[in-house]
Amino acid sequence: MGIERNKLIGFFGIGIFTYKTISGLSYSFSDLAKDLLILLDSKPSWTFWISELFGLILFVILINIIINRVLENYKTISENVLKYFIWSFSAYFIVQVIQISYPSIKSYFIFEVENLGIKEYYGYLRNNHMLYFTQSIFYYLGEIIAIILIYNKTKNE
């Protein structure tokens, strides 16, 4: 049983925009967690590790939820590829608007209150260059876990 070319392209588009939506959401919530921890005057090291782990865990959970939903609703999705493609793009677009708007909204709160936690956090990052490398490791770890989840779910079908 083959897949029609236009459906295959539709599935590809759904996958791209769904992935970008999940990636954007996990990044946004990780950033929000970081900002909340800074505002709560958490130690910079705690702020870094908690926000990074939160983003990774959220990414993996969302990927797993989407994989399960796709497997449960494959027939419906394949019958309405264009509809789901538009939904995935719309979700991506909304997440992008939120990501673009968040720094502007955040700046109102940051400039209203002098928060030494922000200076401490970025000073901590500046003094620990390996943490930038660690951020990349978390990102790629999420990607690897997603690949493993997809592989295991499709292998079992």
Foldseek 3Di string as FASTA:
>chain_A
DDADPVLVVLVVLLVVLLLLLLLLVLLVVLVVQLVVCLVVVHQLVCSLVVSLVSSLVSSLVSLLVVLVVCVVCVVVCSVVSVVSSVVSNVSSVVSVVCVVCVVVVVVVVCVVDPGCSVVNNVVVCVVPVCSVVVSVVSVVVSVVSSVVSNVVSVVVD
